[in-house]
Amino acid sequence: MVKKTVTVKNEAGLHARPSSALVKTASKYDSDFYISMYGYKVNGKSILGVMTLAAECGAEMELILEGRDEKEALDEISQLFENEFELH
């Protein structure tokens, strides 16, 4: 299991487009993926689960991955947050 805390950097927060990019990227990997935030833990491969968090700009969330390709998945997903989901 690998974990990493990331911050939502894009101004509009984790709305539909970045949530979709997050789920699409996570779904490429076999590892289970969860996001923990504000005491809630959701399936990171579910668009509904991710949207339920209503993560605003500046929100911190913990990414939790477990599986054979967990490290690669965590690296690519973390990059999405660093690059603000490439929405500029």
PDB file of N, CA and C in Angstrom:
ATOM      1  N   MET A   1       0.848  -1.186   0.000  1.00  0.00           N
ATOM      2  CA  MET A   1       0.000   0.000   0.000  1.00  0.00           C
ATOM      3  C   MET A   1       0.886   1.239   0.000  1.00  0.00           C
ATOM      4  N   VAL A   2       0.535   2.179  -0.856  1.00  0.00           N
ATOM      5  CA  VAL A   2       1.235   3.463  -0.897  1.00  0.00           C
ATOM      6  C   VAL A   2       0.216   4.567  -0.668  1.00  0.00           C
ATOM      7  N   LYS A   3       0.674   5.652  -0.033  1.00  0.00           N
ATOM      8  CA  LYS A   3      -0.193   6.791   0.254  1.00  0.00           C
ATOM      9  C   LYS A   3       0.565   8.069  -0.044  1.00  0.00           C
ATOM     10  N   LYS A   4      -0.191   9.096  -0.398  1.00  0.00           N
ATOM     11  CA  LYS A   4       0.424  10.405  -0.624  1.00  0.00           C
ATOM     12  C   LYS A   4      -0.646  11.477  -0.436  1.00  0.00           C
ATOM     13  N   THR A   5      -0.276  12.540   0.248  1.00  0.00           N
ATOM     14  CA  THR A   5      -1.185  13.663   0.404  1.00  0.00           C
ATOM     15  C   THR A   5      -0.922  14.666  -0.712  1.00  0.00           C
ATOM     16  N   VAL A   6      -1.979  15.069  -1.389  1.00  0.00           N
ATOM     17  CA  VAL A   6      -1.875  16.030  -2.487  1.00  0.00           C
ATOM     18  C   VAL A   6      -2.834  17.190  -2.217  1.00  0.00           C
ATOM     19  N   THR A   7      -2.607  18.291  -2.924  1.00  0.00           N
ATOM     20  CA  THR A   7      -3.450  19.475  -2.794  1.00  0.00           C
ATOM     21  C   THR A   7      -4.092  19.788  -4.135  1.00  0.00           C
ATOM     22  N   VAL A   8      -5.367  20.116  -4.109  1.00  0.00           N
ATOM     23  CA  VAL A   8      -6.063  20.532  -5.325  1.00  0.00           C
ATOM     24  C   VAL A   8      -5.608  21.959  -5.646  1.00  0.00           C
ATOM     25  N   LYS A   9      -4.956  22.142  -6.790  1.00  0.00           N
ATOM     26  CA  LYS A   9      -4.363  23.438  -7.129  1.00  0.00           C
ATOM     27  C   LYS A   9      -5.176  24.236  -8.144  1.00  0.00           C
ATOM     28  N   ASN A  10      -6.019  23.573  -8.922  1.00  0.00           N
ATOM     29  CA  ASN A  10      -6.754  24.329  -9.938  1.00  0.00           C
ATOM     30  C   ASN A  10      -7.865  25.159  -9.276  1.00  0.00           C
ATOM     31  N   GLU A  11      -8.072  26.372  -9.802  1.00  0.00           N
ATOM     32  CA  GLU A  11      -8.954  27.360  -9.175  1.00  0.00           C
ATOM     33  C   GLU A  11     -10.375  26.885  -8.959  1.00  0.00           C
ATOM     34  N   ALA A  12     -10.909  26.143  -9.901  1.00  0.00           N
ATOM     35  CA  ALA A  12     -12.308  25.711  -9.803  1.00  0.00           C
ATOM     36  C   ALA A  12     -12.485  24.451  -8.965  1.00  0.00           C
ATOM     37  N   GLY A  13     -11.401  23.935  -8.426  1.00  0.00           N
ATOM     38  CA  GLY A  13     -11.505  22.730  -7.615  1.00  0.00           C
ATOM     39  C   GLY A  13     -11.621  21.481  -8.458  1.00  0.00           C
ATOM     40  N   LEU A  14     -12.020  20.421  -7.821  1.00  0.00           N
ATOM     41  CA  LEU A  14     -12.107  19.125  -8.496  1.00  0.00           C
ATOM     42  C   LEU A  14     -13.510  18.957  -9.080  1.00  0.00           C
ATOM     43  N   HIS A  15     -13.811  19.724 -10.114  1.00  0.00           N
ATOM     44  CA  HIS A  15     -15.122  19.666 -10.760  1.00  0.00           C
ATOM     45  C   HIS A  15     -15.149  18.519 -11.776  1.00  0.00           C
ATOM     46  N   ALA A  16     -16.118  18.505 -12.649  1.00  0.00           N
ATOM     47  CA  ALA A  16     -16.359  17.356 -13.533  1.00  0.00           C
ATOM     48  C   ALA A  16     -15.159  16.975 -14.405  1.00  0.00           C
ATOM     49  N   ARG A  17     -14.544  17.945 -15.066  1.00  0.00           N
ATOM     50  CA  ARG A  17     -13.446  17.605 -15.996  1.00  0.00           C
ATOM     51  C   ARG A  17     -12.236  17.013 -15.285  1.00  0.00           C
ATOM     52  N   PRO A  18     -11.711  17.650 -14.230  1.00  0.00           N
ATOM     53  CA  PRO A  18     -10.580  17.012 -13.540  1.00  0.00           C
ATOM     54  C   PRO A  18     -10.961  15.699 -12.860  1.00  0.00           C
ATOM     55  N   SER A  19     -12.179  15.602 -12.362  1.00  0.00           N
ATOM     56  CA  SER A  19     -12.626  14.342 -11.753  1.00  0.00           C
ATOM     57  C   SER A  19     -12.636  13.240 -12.795  1.00  0.00           C
ATOM     58  N   SER A  20     -13.099  13.559 -13.983  1.00  0.00           N
ATOM     59  CA  SER A  20     -13.122  12.585 -15.069  1.00  0.00           C
ATOM     60  C   SER A  20     -11.707  12.162 -15.450  1.00  0.00           C
ATOM     61  N   ALA A  21     -10.789  13.117 -15.535  1.00  0.00           N
ATOM     62  CA  ALA A  21      -9.393  12.806 -15.860  1.00  0.00           C
ATOM     63  C   ALA A  21      -8.780  11.919 -14.776  1.00  0.00           C
ATOM     64  N   LEU A  22      -9.112  12.203 -13.529  1.00  0.00           N
ATOM     65  CA  LEU A  22      -8.596  11.410 -12.417  1.00  0.00           C
ATOM     66  C   LEU A  22      -9.081   9.964 -12.504  1.00  0.00           C
ATOM     67  N   VAL A  23     -10.367   9.781 -12.715  1.00  0.00           N
ATOM     68  CA  VAL A  23     -10.955   8.438 -12.787  1.00  0.00           C
ATOM     69  C   VAL A  23     -10.412   7.685 -14.005  1.00  0.00           C
ATOM     70  N   LYS A  24     -10.312   8.383 -15.139  1.00  0.00           N
ATOM     71  CA  LYS A  24      -9.809   7.750 -16.360  1.00  0.00           C
ATOM     72  C   LYS A  24      -8.373   7.275 -16.174  1.00  0.00           C
ATOM     73  N   THR A  25      -7.548   8.096 -15.565  1.00  0.00           N
ATOM     74  CA  THR A  25      -6.151   7.721 -15.330  1.00  0.00           C
ATOM     75  C   THR A  25      -6.069   6.560 -14.349  1.00  0.00           C
ATOM     76  N   ALA A  26      -6.795   6.644 -13.254  1.00  0.00           N
ATOM     77  CA  ALA A  26      -6.755   5.581 -12.232  1.00  0.00           C
ATOM     78  C   ALA A  26      -7.245   4.249 -12.786  1.00  0.00           C
ATOM     79  N   SER A  27      -8.205   4.303 -13.703  1.00  0.00           N
ATOM     80  CA  SER A  27      -8.794   3.076 -14.242  1.00  0.00           C
ATOM     81  C   SER A  27      -7.848   2.322 -15.175  1.00  0.00           C
ATOM     82  N   LYS A  28      -6.764   2.955 -15.582  1.00  0.00           N
ATOM     83  CA  LYS A  28      -5.774   2.272 -16.420  1.00  0.00           C
ATOM     84  C   LYS A  28      -4.989   1.238 -15.618  1.00  0.00           C
ATOM     85  N   TYR A  29      -5.042   1.365 -14.306  1.00  0.00           N
ATOM     86  CA  TYR A  29      -4.232   0.509 -13.436  1.00  0.00           C
ATOM     87  C   TYR A  29      -5.105  -0.528 -12.725  1.00  0.00           C
ATOM     88  N   ASP A  30      -4.474  -1.642 -12.367  1.00  0.00           N
ATOM     89  CA  ASP A  30      -5.190  -2.706 -11.660  1.00  0.00           C
ATOM     90  C   ASP A  30      -5.367  -2.422 -10.178  1.00  0.00           C
ATOM     91  N   SER A  31      -4.523  -1.598  -9.609  1.00  0.00           N
ATOM     92  CA  SER A  31      -4.539  -1.342  -8.160  1.00  0.00           C
ATOM     93  C   SER A  31      -5.852  -0.720  -7.719  1.00  0.00           C
ATOM     94  N   ASP A  32      -6.249  -1.064  -6.503  1.00  0.00           N
ATOM     95  CA  ASP A  32      -7.392  -0.399  -5.885  1.00  0.00           C
ATOM     96  C   ASP A  32      -6.974   1.020  -5.544  1.00  0.00           C
ATOM     97  N   PHE A  33      -7.908   1.966  -5.677  1.00  0.00           N
ATOM     98  CA  PHE A  33      -7.583   3.379  -5.471  1.00  0.00           C
ATOM     99  C   PHE A  33      -8.673   4.031  -4.638  1.00  0.00           C
ATOM    100  N   TYR A  34      -8.247   4.616  -3.536  1.00  0.00           N
ATOM    101  CA  TYR A  34      -9.186   5.318  -2.653  1.00  0.00           C
ATOM    102  C   TYR A  34      -8.675   6.720  -2.382  1.00  0.00           C
ATOM    103  N   ILE A  35      -9.598   7.620  -2.134  1.00  0.00           N
ATOM    104  CA  ILE A  35      -9.263   8.988  -1.760  1.00  0.00           C
ATOM    105  C   ILE A  35      -9.887   9.244  -0.391  1.00  0.00           C
ATOM    106  N   SER A  36      -9.065   9.735   0.520  1.00  0.00           N
ATOM    107  CA  SER A  36      -9.538  10.059   1.862  1.00  0.00           C
ATOM    108  C   SER A  36      -9.472  11.573   2.053  1.00  0.00           C
ATOM    109  N   MET A  37     -10.605  12.134   2.508  1.00  0.00           N
ATOM    110  CA  MET A  37     -10.674  13.582   2.700  1.00  0.00           C
ATOM    111  C   MET A  37     -11.796  13.898   3.670  1.00  0.00           C
ATOM    112  N   TYR A  38     -11.549  14.791   4.610  1.00  0.00           N
ATOM    113  CA  TYR A  38     -12.551  15.234   5.582  1.00  0.00           C
ATOM    114  C   TYR A  38     -13.219  14.049   6.293  1.00  0.00           C
ATOM    115  N   GLY A  39     -12.482  12.985   6.531  1.00  0.00           N
ATOM    116  CA  GLY A  39     -13.030  11.827   7.230  1.00  0.00           C
ATOM    117  C   GLY A  39     -13.809  10.871   6.348  1.00  0.00           C
ATOM    118  N   TYR A  40     -13.905  11.179   5.060  1.00  0.00           N
ATOM    119  CA  TYR A  40     -14.594  10.301   4.117  1.00  0.00           C
ATOM    120  C   TYR A  40     -13.559   9.566   3.277  1.00  0.00           C
ATOM    121  N   LYS A  41     -13.893   8.348   2.878  1.00  0.00           N
ATOM    122  CA  LYS A  41     -13.032   7.567   2.003  1.00  0.00           C
ATOM    123  C   LYS A  41     -13.890   7.082   0.847  1.00  0.00           C
ATOM    124  N   VAL A  42     -13.501   7.471  -0.374  1.00  0.00           N
ATOM    125  CA  VAL A  42     -14.295   7.106  -1.550  1.00  0.00           C
ATOM    126  C   VAL A  42     -13.443   6.314  -2.526  1.00  0.00           C
ATOM    127  N   ASN A  43     -14.122   5.577  -3.392  1.00  0.00           N
ATOM    128  CA  ASN A  43     -13.463   4.843  -4.470  1.00  0.00           C
ATOM    129  C   ASN A  43     -12.990   5.858  -5.505  1.00  0.00           C
ATOM    130  N   GLY A  44     -11.688   5.941  -5.705  1.00  0.00           N
ATOM    131  CA  GLY A  44     -11.118   6.897  -6.644  1.00  0.00           C
ATOM    132  C   GLY A  44     -11.331   6.544  -8.098  1.00  0.00           C
ATOM    133  N   LYS A  45     -11.887   5.362  -8.368  1.00  0.00           N
ATOM    134  CA  LYS A  45     -12.191   4.968  -9.746  1.00  0.00           C
ATOM    135  C   LYS A  45     -13.659   5.199 -10.069  1.00  0.00           C
ATOM    136  N   SER A  46     -14.372   5.845  -9.161  1.00  0.00           N
ATOM    137  CA  SER A  46     -15.787   6.139  -9.362  1.00  0.00           C
ATOM    138  C   SER A  46     -15.982   7.638  -9.523  1.00  0.00           C
ATOM    139  N   ILE A  47     -16.516   8.077 -10.659  1.00  0.00           N
ATOM    140  CA  ILE A  47     -16.722   9.511 -10.887  1.00  0.00           C
ATOM    141  C   ILE A  47     -17.681  10.080  -9.841  1.00  0.00           C
ATOM    142  N   LEU A  48     -18.686   9.305  -9.482  1.00  0.00           N
ATOM    143  CA  LEU A  48     -19.632   9.758  -8.465  1.00  0.00           C
ATOM    144  C   LEU A  48     -18.934   9.907  -7.114  1.00  0.00           C
ATOM    145  N   GLY A  49     -18.082   8.946  -6.777  1.00  0.00           N
ATOM    146  CA  GLY A  49     -17.357   9.029  -5.514  1.00  0.00           C
ATOM    147  C   GLY A  49     -16.458  10.248  -5.449  1.00  0.00           C
ATOM    148  N   VAL A  50     -15.731  10.497  -6.523  1.00  0.00           N
ATOM    149  CA  VAL A  50     -14.818  11.649  -6.559  1.00  0.00           C
ATOM    150  C   VAL A  50     -15.603  12.955  -6.497  1.00  0.00           C
ATOM    151  N   MET A  51     -16.692  13.050  -7.258  1.00  0.00           N
ATOM    152  CA  MET A  51     -17.497  14.278  -7.281  1.00  0.00           C
ATOM    153  C   MET A  51     -18.150  14.542  -5.917  1.00  0.00           C
ATOM    154  N   THR A  52     -18.451  13.491  -5.195  1.00  0.00           N
ATOM    155  CA  THR A  52     -19.075  13.620  -3.874  1.00  0.00           C
ATOM    156  C   THR A  52     -18.190  14.404  -2.904  1.00  0.00           C
ATOM    157  N   LEU A  53     -16.890  14.335  -3.091  1.00  0.00           N
ATOM    158  CA  LEU A  53     -15.978  15.043  -2.192  1.00  0.00           C
ATOM    159  C   LEU A  53     -16.090  16.565  -2.324  1.00  0.00           C
ATOM    160  N   ALA A  54     -16.522  17.057  -3.483  1.00  0.00           N
ATOM    161  CA  ALA A  54     -16.661  18.503  -3.729  1.00  0.00           C
ATOM    162  C   ALA A  54     -15.399  19.249  -3.284  1.00  0.00           C
ATOM    163  N   ALA A  55     -14.256  18.730  -3.700  1.00  0.00           N
ATOM    164  CA  ALA A  55     -12.967  19.294  -3.288  1.00  0.00           C
ATOM    165  C   ALA A  55     -12.727  20.646  -3.952  1.00  0.00           C
ATOM    166  N   GLU A  56     -12.552  21.666  -3.139  1.00  0.00           N
ATOM    167  CA  GLU A  56     -12.295  23.002  -3.645  1.00  0.00           C
ATOM    168  C   GLU A  56     -10.781  23.252  -3.765  1.00  0.00           C
ATOM    169  N   CYS A  57     -10.432  24.354  -4.392  1.00  0.00           N
ATOM    170  CA  CYS A  57      -9.025  24.734  -4.524  1.00  0.00           C
ATOM    171  C   CYS A  57      -8.410  24.840  -3.129  1.00  0.00           C
ATOM    172  N   GLY A  58      -7.251  24.239  -2.944  1.00  0.00           N
ATOM    173  CA  GLY A  58      -6.566  24.250  -1.656  1.00  0.00           C
ATOM    174  C   GLY A  58      -6.881  23.057  -0.776  1.00  0.00           C
ATOM    175  N   ALA A  59      -7.856  22.268  -1.157  1.00  0.00           N
ATOM    176  CA  ALA A  59      -8.217  21.089  -0.363  1.00  0.00           C
ATOM    177  C   ALA A  59      -7.086  20.060  -0.416  1.00  0.00           C
ATOM    178  N   GLU A  60      -6.824  19.446   0.713  1.00  0.00           N
ATOM    179  CA  GLU A  60      -5.836  18.378   0.768  1.00  0.00           C
ATOM    180  C   GLU A  60      -6.562  17.053   0.856  1.00  0.00           C
ATOM    181  N   MET A  61      -6.054  16.084   0.133  1.00  0.00           N
ATOM    182  CA  MET A  61      -6.644  14.746   0.154  1.00  0.00           C
ATOM    183  C   MET A  61      -5.522  13.715   0.135  1.00  0.00           C
ATOM    184  N   GLU A  62      -5.829  12.563   0.697  1.00  0.00           N
ATOM    185  CA  GLU A  62      -4.852  11.488   0.722  1.00  0.00           C
ATOM    186  C   GLU A  62      -5.211  10.465  -0.346  1.00  0.00           C
ATOM    187  N   LEU A  63      -4.262  10.169  -1.192  1.00  0.00           N
ATOM    188  CA  LEU A  63      -4.434   9.144  -2.219  1.00  0.00           C
ATOM    189  C   LEU A  63      -3.903   7.828  -1.652  1.00  0.00           C
ATOM    190  N   ILE A  64      -4.693   6.785  -1.762  1.00  0.00           N
ATOM    191  CA  ILE A  64      -4.319   5.479  -1.209  1.00  0.00           C
ATOM    192  C   ILE A  64      -4.450   4.439  -2.316  1.00  0.00           C
ATOM    193  N   LEU A  65      -3.363   3.769  -2.626  1.00  0.00           N
ATOM    194  CA  LEU A  65      -3.380   2.748  -3.675  1.00  0.00           C
ATOM    195  C   LEU A  65      -2.815   1.455  -3.144  1.00  0.00           C
ATOM    196  N   GLU A  66      -3.410   0.358  -3.606  1.00  0.00           N
ATOM    197  CA  GLU A  66      -2.930  -0.951  -3.188  1.00  0.00           C
ATOM    198  C   GLU A  66      -3.077  -1.919  -4.347  1.00  0.00           C
ATOM    199  N   GLY A  67      -1.963  -2.523  -4.727  1.00  0.00           N
ATOM    200  CA  GLY A  67      -1.984  -3.487  -5.818  1.00  0.00           C
ATOM    201  C   GLY A  67      -0.614  -3.584  -6.465  1.00  0.00           C
ATOM    202  N   ARG A  68      -0.534  -4.434  -7.479  1.00  0.00           N
ATOM    203  CA  ARG A  68       0.771  -4.716  -8.081  1.00  0.00           C
ATOM    204  C   ARG A  68       1.389  -3.517  -8.805  1.00  0.00           C
ATOM    205  N   ASP A  69       0.572  -2.579  -9.284  1.00  0.00           N
ATOM    206  CA  ASP A  69       1.114  -1.414  -9.992  1.00  0.00           C
ATOM    207  C   ASP A  69       0.845  -0.110  -9.223  1.00  0.00           C
ATOM    208  N   GLU A  70       0.785  -0.220  -7.906  1.00  0.00           N
ATOM    209  CA  GLU A  70       0.434   0.929  -7.060  1.00  0.00           C
ATOM    210  C   GLU A  70       1.398   2.104  -7.191  1.00  0.00           C
ATOM    211  N   LYS A  71       2.668   1.838  -7.280  1.00  0.00           N
ATOM    212  CA  LYS A  71       3.657   2.926  -7.345  1.00  0.00           C
ATOM    213  C   LYS A  71       3.517   3.718  -8.643  1.00  0.00           C
ATOM    214  N   GLU A  72       3.400   3.015  -9.757  1.00  0.00           N
ATOM    215  CA  GLU A  72       3.256   3.693 -11.049  1.00  0.00           C
ATOM    216  C   GLU A  72       1.973   4.509 -11.082  1.00  0.00           C
ATOM    217  N   ALA A  73       0.901   3.937 -10.571  1.00  0.00           N
ATOM    218  CA  ALA A  73      -0.381   4.639 -10.545  1.00  0.00           C
ATOM    219  C   ALA A  73      -0.295   5.885  -9.671  1.00  0.00           C
ATOM    220  N   LEU A  74       0.317   5.767  -8.503  1.00  0.00           N
ATOM    221  CA  LEU A  74       0.443   6.922  -7.613  1.00  0.00           C
ATOM    222  C   LEU A  74       1.258   8.036  -8.276  1.00  0.00           C
ATOM    223  N   ASP A  75       2.326   7.672  -8.966  1.00  0.00           N
ATOM    224  CA  ASP A  75       3.148   8.686  -9.646  1.00  0.00           C
ATOM    225  C   ASP A  75       2.337   9.434 -10.703  1.00  0.00           C
ATOM    226  N   GLU A  76       1.591   8.696 -11.539  1.00  0.00           N
ATOM    227  CA  GLU A  76       0.839   9.351 -12.612  1.00  0.00           C
ATOM    228  C   GLU A  76      -0.326  10.178 -12.056  1.00  0.00           C
ATOM    229  N   ILE A  77      -1.006   9.668 -11.065  1.00  0.00           N
ATOM    230  CA  ILE A  77      -2.132  10.409 -10.472  1.00  0.00           C
ATOM    231  C   ILE A  77      -1.626  11.669  -9.757  1.00  0.00           C
ATOM    232  N   SER A  78      -0.527  11.555  -9.058  1.00  0.00           N
ATOM    233  CA  SER A  78       0.050  12.720  -8.371  1.00  0.00           C
ATOM    234  C   SER A  78       0.420  13.808  -9.371  1.00  0.00           C
ATOM    235  N   GLN A  79       0.920  13.403 -10.530  1.00  0.00           N
ATOM    236  CA  GLN A  79       1.278  14.368 -11.570  1.00  0.00           C
ATOM    237  C   GLN A  79       0.059  15.152 -12.040  1.00  0.00           C
ATOM    238  N   LEU A  80      -1.103  14.513 -12.092  1.00  0.00           N
ATOM    239  CA  LEU A  80      -2.320  15.229 -12.477  1.00  0.00           C
ATOM    240  C   LEU A  80      -2.561  16.413 -11.539  1.00  0.00           C
ATOM    241  N   PHE A  81      -2.394  16.184 -10.248  1.00  0.00           N
ATOM    242  CA  PHE A  81      -2.590  17.261  -9.272  1.00  0.00           C
ATOM    243  C   PHE A  81      -1.527  18.336  -9.436  1.00  0.00           C
ATOM    244  N   GLU A  82      -0.280  17.928  -9.658  1.00  0.00           N
ATOM    245  CA  GLU A  82       0.813  18.894  -9.831  1.00  0.00           C
ATOM    246  C   GLU A  82       0.595  19.758 -11.073  1.00  0.00           C
ATOM    247  N   ASN A  83       0.082  19.152 -12.132  1.00  0.00           N
ATOM    248  CA  ASN A  83      -0.121  19.868 -13.402  1.00  0.00           C
ATOM    249  C   ASN A  83      -1.509  20.500 -13.495  1.00  0.00           C
ATOM    250  N   GLU A  84      -2.217  20.544 -12.366  1.00  0.00           N
ATOM    251  CA  GLU A  84      -3.561  21.118 -12.322  1.00  0.00           C
ATOM    252  C   GLU A  84      -4.457  20.502 -13.396  1.00  0.00           C
ATOM    253  N   PHE A  85      -4.280  19.218 -13.616  1.00  0.00           N
ATOM    254  CA  PHE A  85      -5.085  18.443 -14.559  1.00  0.00           C
ATOM    255  C   PHE A  85      -4.996  18.991 -15.983  1.00  0.00           C
ATOM    256  N   GLU A  86      -3.951  19.791 -16.229  1.00  0.00           N
ATOM    257  CA  GLU A  86      -3.675  20.352 -17.560  1.00  0.00           C
ATOM    258  C   GLU A  86      -4.897  21.058 -18.128  1.00  0.00           C
ATOM    259  N   LEU A  87      -5.548  21.853 -17.305  1.00  0.00           N
ATOM    260  CA  LEU A  87      -6.765  22.559 -17.713  1.00  0.00           C
ATOM    261  C   LEU A  87      -6.545  24.032 -18.018  1.00  0.00           C
ATOM    262  N   HIS A  88      -5.301  24.489 -18.150  1.00  0.00           N
ATOM    263  CA  HIS A  88      -5.082  25.917 -18.421  1.00  0.00           C
ATOM    264  C   HIS A  88      -5.272  26.214 -19.882  1.00  0.00           C
TER     265      HIS A  88
END
